[in-house]
Protein backbone atom coordinates (compact mmCIF):
# COMPACT_ATOMS: atom_id res chain seq x y z
CA UNK A 1 -7.89 -14.93 17.33
CA UNK A 2 -8.06 -11.38 18.62
CA UNK A 3 -10.24 -9.05 16.62
CA UNK A 4 -9.26 -5.54 15.59
CA UNK A 5 -11.96 -2.89 15.65
CA UNK A 6 -10.22 0.22 14.40
CA UNK A 7 -12.28 0.08 11.19
CA UNK A 8 -15.77 -0.18 12.58
CA UNK A 9 -16.40 3.59 12.77
CA UNK A 10 -17.47 5.83 9.91
CA UNK A 11 -13.90 7.11 9.59
CA UNK A 12 -13.08 4.57 6.89
CA UNK A 13 -15.61 3.69 4.22
CA UNK A 14 -15.84 0.89 1.68
CA UNK A 15 -16.33 2.77 -1.57
CA UNK A 16 -16.40 2.06 -5.30
CA UNK A 17 -13.90 3.17 -7.94
CA UNK A 18 -15.77 3.76 -11.19
CA UNK A 19 -12.76 2.71 -13.29
CA UNK A 20 -13.74 -0.86 -12.39
CA UNK A 21 -17.07 -0.57 -14.19
CA UNK A 22 -16.05 1.72 -17.05
CA UNK A 23 -16.81 -0.89 -19.74
CA UNK A 24 -20.47 -1.50 -18.91
CA UNK A 25 -21.88 1.68 -20.45
CA UNK A 26 -22.28 5.37 -19.75
CA UNK A 27 -22.05 7.05 -16.35
CA UNK A 28 -25.72 6.43 -15.60
CA UNK A 29 -25.28 2.67 -16.12
CA UNK A 30 -22.13 2.65 -14.02
CA UNK A 31 -23.81 4.46 -11.15
CA UNK A 32 -26.81 2.13 -11.28
CA UNK A 33 -24.61 -0.96 -11.05
CA UNK A 34 -22.56 0.45 -8.18
CA UNK A 35 -25.63 1.51 -6.23
CA UNK A 36 -27.24 -1.85 -6.94
CA UNK A 37 -24.31 -3.68 -5.38
CA UNK A 38 -24.73 -1.80 -2.11
CA UNK A 39 -22.27 1.09 -2.33
CA UNK A 40 -23.10 4.58 -1.12
CA UNK A 41 -19.77 6.25 -1.92
CA UNK A 42 -17.76 6.48 -5.13
CA UNK A 43 -14.63 7.82 -6.77
CA UNK A 44 -15.12 9.29 -10.24
CA UNK A 45 -12.71 9.39 -13.20
CA UNK A 46 -12.51 12.62 -15.15
CA UNK A 47 -15.72 13.99 -16.64
CA UNK A 48 -17.15 10.74 -18.05
CA UNK A 49 -17.62 12.34 -21.50
CA UNK A 50 -20.13 14.82 -20.06
CA UNK A 51 -20.17 18.54 -19.43
CA UNK A 52 -19.57 19.36 -15.76
CA UNK A 53 -23.24 20.32 -15.17
CA UNK A 54 -24.45 17.12 -16.85
CA UNK A 55 -22.13 15.02 -14.71
CA UNK A 56 -23.28 16.80 -11.57
CA UNK A 57 -26.92 16.15 -12.45
CA UNK A 58 -26.36 12.43 -13.09
CA UNK A 59 -24.43 11.89 -9.89
CA UNK A 60 -27.01 13.76 -7.84
CA UNK A 61 -29.82 11.69 -9.36
CA UNK A 62 -28.00 8.50 -8.37
CA UNK A 63 -27.94 9.44 -4.69
CA UNK A 64 -24.28 8.38 -4.45
CA UNK A 65 -21.65 10.47 -2.66
CA UNK A 66 -18.46 11.45 -4.48
CA UNK A 67 -15.70 10.99 -1.93
CA UNK A 68 -12.81 11.49 -4.34
CA UNK A 69 -12.29 12.36 -8.00
CA UNK A 70 -9.52 11.32 -10.41
CA UNK A 71 -8.33 13.78 -13.05
CA UNK A 72 -5.48 13.16 -15.47
CA UNK A 73 -2.54 15.50 -15.89
CA UNK A 74 -3.93 17.11 -19.06
CA UNK A 75 -7.20 17.82 -17.27
CA UNK A 76 -5.40 19.68 -14.51
CA UNK A 77 -3.53 21.62 -17.20
CA UNK A 78 -6.47 22.53 -19.43
CA UNK A 79 -9.67 22.13 -17.38
CA UNK A 80 -8.75 23.37 -13.94
CA UNK A 81 -11.81 25.61 -13.61
CA UNK A 82 -14.08 22.74 -14.68
CA UNK A 83 -12.44 20.60 -11.99
CA UNK A 84 -13.14 23.25 -9.37
CA UNK A 85 -16.76 23.56 -10.53
CA UNK A 86 -17.32 19.81 -10.39
CA UNK A 87 -15.72 19.39 -6.97
CA UNK A 88 -17.69 22.28 -5.52
CA UNK A 89 -21.04 21.14 -6.86
CA UNK A 90 -20.48 17.54 -5.77
CA UNK A 91 -19.13 18.61 -2.36
CA UNK A 92 -16.01 16.57 -3.01
CA UNK A 93 -12.87 17.59 -1.13
CA UNK A 94 -10.28 15.24 -2.64
CA UNK A 95 -8.80 15.36 -6.15
CA UNK A 96 -6.36 12.69 -7.30
CA UNK A 97 -3.79 12.72 -10.10
CA UNK A 98 -3.80 9.03 -11.09
CA UNK A 99 -0.89 8.58 -13.47
CA UNK A 100 1.29 9.90 -16.28
CA UNK A 101 1.01 8.50 -19.78
CA UNK A 102 4.14 6.61 -20.93
CA UNK A 103 5.21 9.42 -23.26
CA UNK A 104 4.88 11.99 -20.47
CA UNK A 105 6.87 10.10 -17.84
CA UNK A 106 10.29 11.52 -16.98
CA UNK A 107 13.30 9.23 -16.90
CA UNK A 108 15.50 11.38 -14.66
CA UNK A 109 15.41 12.64 -11.11
CA UNK A 110 15.27 16.19 -12.46
CA UNK A 111 12.26 15.36 -14.56
CA UNK A 112 10.41 13.89 -11.62
CA UNK A 113 11.32 16.91 -9.49
CA UNK A 114 9.62 19.05 -12.12
CA UNK A 115 6.53 16.84 -11.97
CA UNK A 116 6.43 17.10 -8.19
CA UNK A 117 6.85 20.87 -8.42
CA UNK A 118 3.84 21.24 -10.72
CA UNK A 119 1.76 19.00 -8.48
CA UNK A 120 2.79 21.25 -5.59
CA UNK A 121 1.45 24.29 -7.45
CA UNK A 122 -1.89 22.59 -8.16
CA UNK A 123 -2.11 21.40 -4.56
CA UNK A 124 -1.75 24.98 -3.33
CA UNK A 125 -4.38 26.20 -5.78
CA UNK A 126 -6.83 23.49 -4.73
CA UNK A 127 -6.19 24.07 -1.03
CA UNK A 128 -7.59 27.60 -1.39
CA UNK A 129 -10.90 25.91 -2.22
CA UNK A 130 -10.73 23.38 0.60
CA UNK A 131 -9.60 20.51 -1.65
CA UNK A 132 -6.70 18.14 -1.00
CA UNK A 133 -4.60 16.86 -3.88
CA UNK A 134 -3.41 13.25 -3.75
CA UNK A 135 -1.16 11.20 -6.02
CA UNK A 136 -2.06 7.64 -7.03
CA UNK A 137 0.82 5.25 -7.70
CA UNK A 138 1.32 2.53 -10.27
CA UNK A 139 4.60 0.63 -10.59
CA UNK A 140 6.61 2.98 -12.83
CA UNK A 141 6.67 5.60 -10.06
CA UNK A 142 8.16 3.09 -7.61
CA UNK A 143 11.34 2.51 -9.63
CA UNK A 144 14.68 3.47 -8.09
CA UNK A 145 16.42 6.55 -9.51
CA UNK A 146 19.78 6.99 -7.79
CA UNK A 147 18.39 5.93 -4.42
CA UNK A 148 15.06 7.73 -4.68
CA UNK A 149 11.74 6.88 -6.31
CA UNK A 150 9.39 9.22 -8.15
CA UNK A 151 6.90 8.64 -5.34
CA UNK A 152 9.51 9.79 -2.80
CA UNK A 153 10.06 12.99 -4.79
CA UNK A 154 6.34 13.68 -5.09
CA UNK A 155 5.64 13.10 -1.42
CA UNK A 156 8.61 15.29 -0.49
CA UNK A 157 6.18 18.10 -1.28
CA UNK A 158 4.47 18.67 2.03
CA UNK A 159 1.05 19.49 0.57
CA UNK A 160 0.52 16.37 -1.57
CA UNK A 161 -1.28 13.35 -0.16
CA UNK A 162 -0.94 9.73 -1.24
CA UNK A 163 -3.52 7.26 -2.49
CA UNK A 164 -1.70 3.89 -2.46
CA UNK A 165 -2.80 1.31 -4.99
CA UNK A 166 -2.31 -1.90 -3.03
CA UNK A 167 -2.26 -4.12 -6.10
CA UNK A 168 0.41 -2.06 -7.82
CA UNK A 169 2.57 -2.04 -4.69
CA UNK A 170 2.53 -5.83 -4.70
CA UNK A 171 3.08 -5.97 -8.47
CA UNK A 172 6.20 -3.83 -7.97
CA UNK A 173 7.53 -6.34 -5.44
CA UNK A 174 6.97 -4.15 -2.37
CA UNK A 175 5.47 -4.99 1.00
CA UNK A 176 2.37 -2.77 1.04
CA UNK A 177 2.10 -2.75 4.84
CA UNK A 178 5.68 -1.49 5.10
CA UNK A 179 5.04 1.19 2.46
CA UNK A 180 1.92 2.29 4.30
CA UNK A 181 3.85 2.61 7.54
CA UNK A 182 6.58 4.65 5.84
CA UNK A 183 4.16 7.26 4.51
CA UNK A 184 1.28 6.75 6.90
CA UNK A 185 0.87 10.44 7.67
CA UNK A 186 0.31 11.19 3.95
CA UNK A 187 -2.31 8.56 3.15
CA UNK A 188 -5.81 9.81 2.44
CA UNK A 189 -7.40 6.73 0.82
CA UNK A 190 -6.39 3.52 -0.97
CA UNK A 191 -7.31 1.50 -4.01
CA UNK A 192 -8.14 -1.93 -2.63
CA UNK A 193 -6.99 -4.17 -5.46
CA UNK A 194 -5.71 -7.74 -5.39
CA UNK A 195 -2.97 -9.34 -7.46
CA UNK A 196 -1.69 -12.83 -8.25
CA UNK A 197 1.68 -12.90 -10.07
CA UNK A 198 1.15 -16.54 -11.10
CA UNK A 199 -2.21 -15.93 -12.77
CA UNK A 200 -0.86 -14.93 -16.15
CA UNK A 201 0.58 -11.88 -17.88
CA UNK A 202 -0.26 -8.20 -17.55
CA UNK A 203 -3.87 -7.51 -16.64
CA UNK A 204 -4.54 -11.23 -16.23
CA UNK A 205 -2.90 -10.96 -12.80
CA UNK A 206 -5.58 -8.75 -11.25
CA UNK A 207 -8.01 -10.58 -8.98
CA UNK A 208 -11.19 -9.92 -7.03
CA UNK A 209 -10.44 -8.98 -3.45
CA UNK A 210 -9.38 -11.92 -1.31
CA UNK A 211 -8.44 -14.04 -4.33
CA UNK A 212 -4.87 -12.82 -4.81
CA UNK A 213 -1.71 -12.73 -2.72
CA UNK A 214 -2.25 -9.47 -0.83
CA UNK A 215 -1.98 -9.87 2.95
CA UNK A 216 -5.11 -7.90 3.72
CA UNK A 217 -5.01 -8.29 7.52
CA UNK A 218 -1.52 -6.73 7.54
CA UNK A 219 -2.57 -3.98 5.11
CA UNK A 220 -5.69 -3.09 7.07
CA UNK A 221 -3.84 -3.13 10.36
CA UNK A 222 -1.29 -0.69 8.93
CA UNK A 223 -4.04 1.54 7.54
CA UNK A 224 -5.62 1.66 10.98
CA UNK A 225 -2.77 3.94 12.05
CA UNK A 226 -3.25 6.39 9.18
CA UNK A 227 -5.82 8.98 8.20
CA UNK A 228 -7.22 6.77 5.43
CA UNK A 229 -10.88 7.62 4.83
CA UNK A 230 -11.84 5.30 1.96
CA UNK A 231 -11.09 1.84 0.65
CA UNK A 232 -11.98 2.05 -3.04
CA UNK A 233 -12.77 -1.38 -4.48
CA UNK A 234 -11.02 -1.72 -7.83
CA UNK A 235 -10.20 -4.30 -10.49
CA UNK A 236 -8.59 -3.07 -13.71
CA UNK A 237 -9.97 -5.67 -16.12
CA UNK A 238 -12.73 -7.74 -14.57
CA UNK A 239 -14.92 -9.91 -16.80
CA UNK A 240 -17.81 -9.80 -14.33
CA UNK A 241 -18.34 -6.30 -12.99
CA UNK A 242 -21.23 -7.07 -10.67
CA UNK A 243 -19.41 -10.03 -9.11
CA UNK A 244 -16.26 -7.98 -8.60
CA UNK A 245 -18.09 -5.15 -6.87
CA UNK A 246 -20.17 -7.48 -4.69
CA UNK A 247 -17.17 -9.63 -3.82
CA UNK A 248 -15.03 -6.62 -2.97
CA UNK A 249 -17.61 -4.99 -0.76
CA UNK A 250 -18.41 -8.22 1.06
CA UNK A 251 -14.75 -9.15 1.53
CA UNK A 252 -13.78 -5.80 3.00
CA UNK A 253 -16.88 -5.72 5.19
CA UNK A 254 -15.96 -9.10 6.62
CA UNK A 255 -12.35 -8.06 7.13
CA UNK A 256 -13.15 -4.77 8.79
CA UNK A 257 -15.98 -5.93 11.00
CA UNK A 258 -14.78 -9.37 12.00
CA UNK A 259 -11.01 -9.14 11.96
CA UNK A 260 -8.92 -12.20 11.18
């Protein structure tokens, strides 16, 4: 079959999301495992229970590049200057707001408009420092509220980017390739995560890449027409962290380089 080669340049990287390996130990252990499985680029999550200077030192010692950094809502509210310090020192130009805790999630269109408005303010403040703000979806932000989803309201702000979580799109019953095409001009990176709805309940449904139901050729073809820079390998609750990272990197490498 015909190969596609839109992914063979350095424009899109296969990177590691540290949430996948959060259970194995401290940041140093996580970085060692990720580097040992062949990754050069990572996405961090918060401050990893370290001071900003300590985190900077550990990441620098690892030799890994921070391509993107997740910070929760409360961190944007209370540690904005620490976020700016960390991003500047790590030469990271993308910050991502990954989710809202259940108790903080609005249940009205007006509430979600307020959320999108605050994200808009933070996006403007980050842009002054050369940083883009992206929003990372789950499934709760894909629910329909009077013909519009929370994600629609957030991306209605022209300065907020999108980091699709492919697994959560499928879990919500959406066609990820279609969603990517709809908001292709707002995509900055993705969480490459696989899902099998027949595998069990809750977190039991997450799978290593290539072992779920995601149509990766269609997803990657759709991403080829966006500005996506990174495919972050992720698995929310793996029992074998090294296998998951190695499998994910190898699977995406094969997909991107060889086509289907």
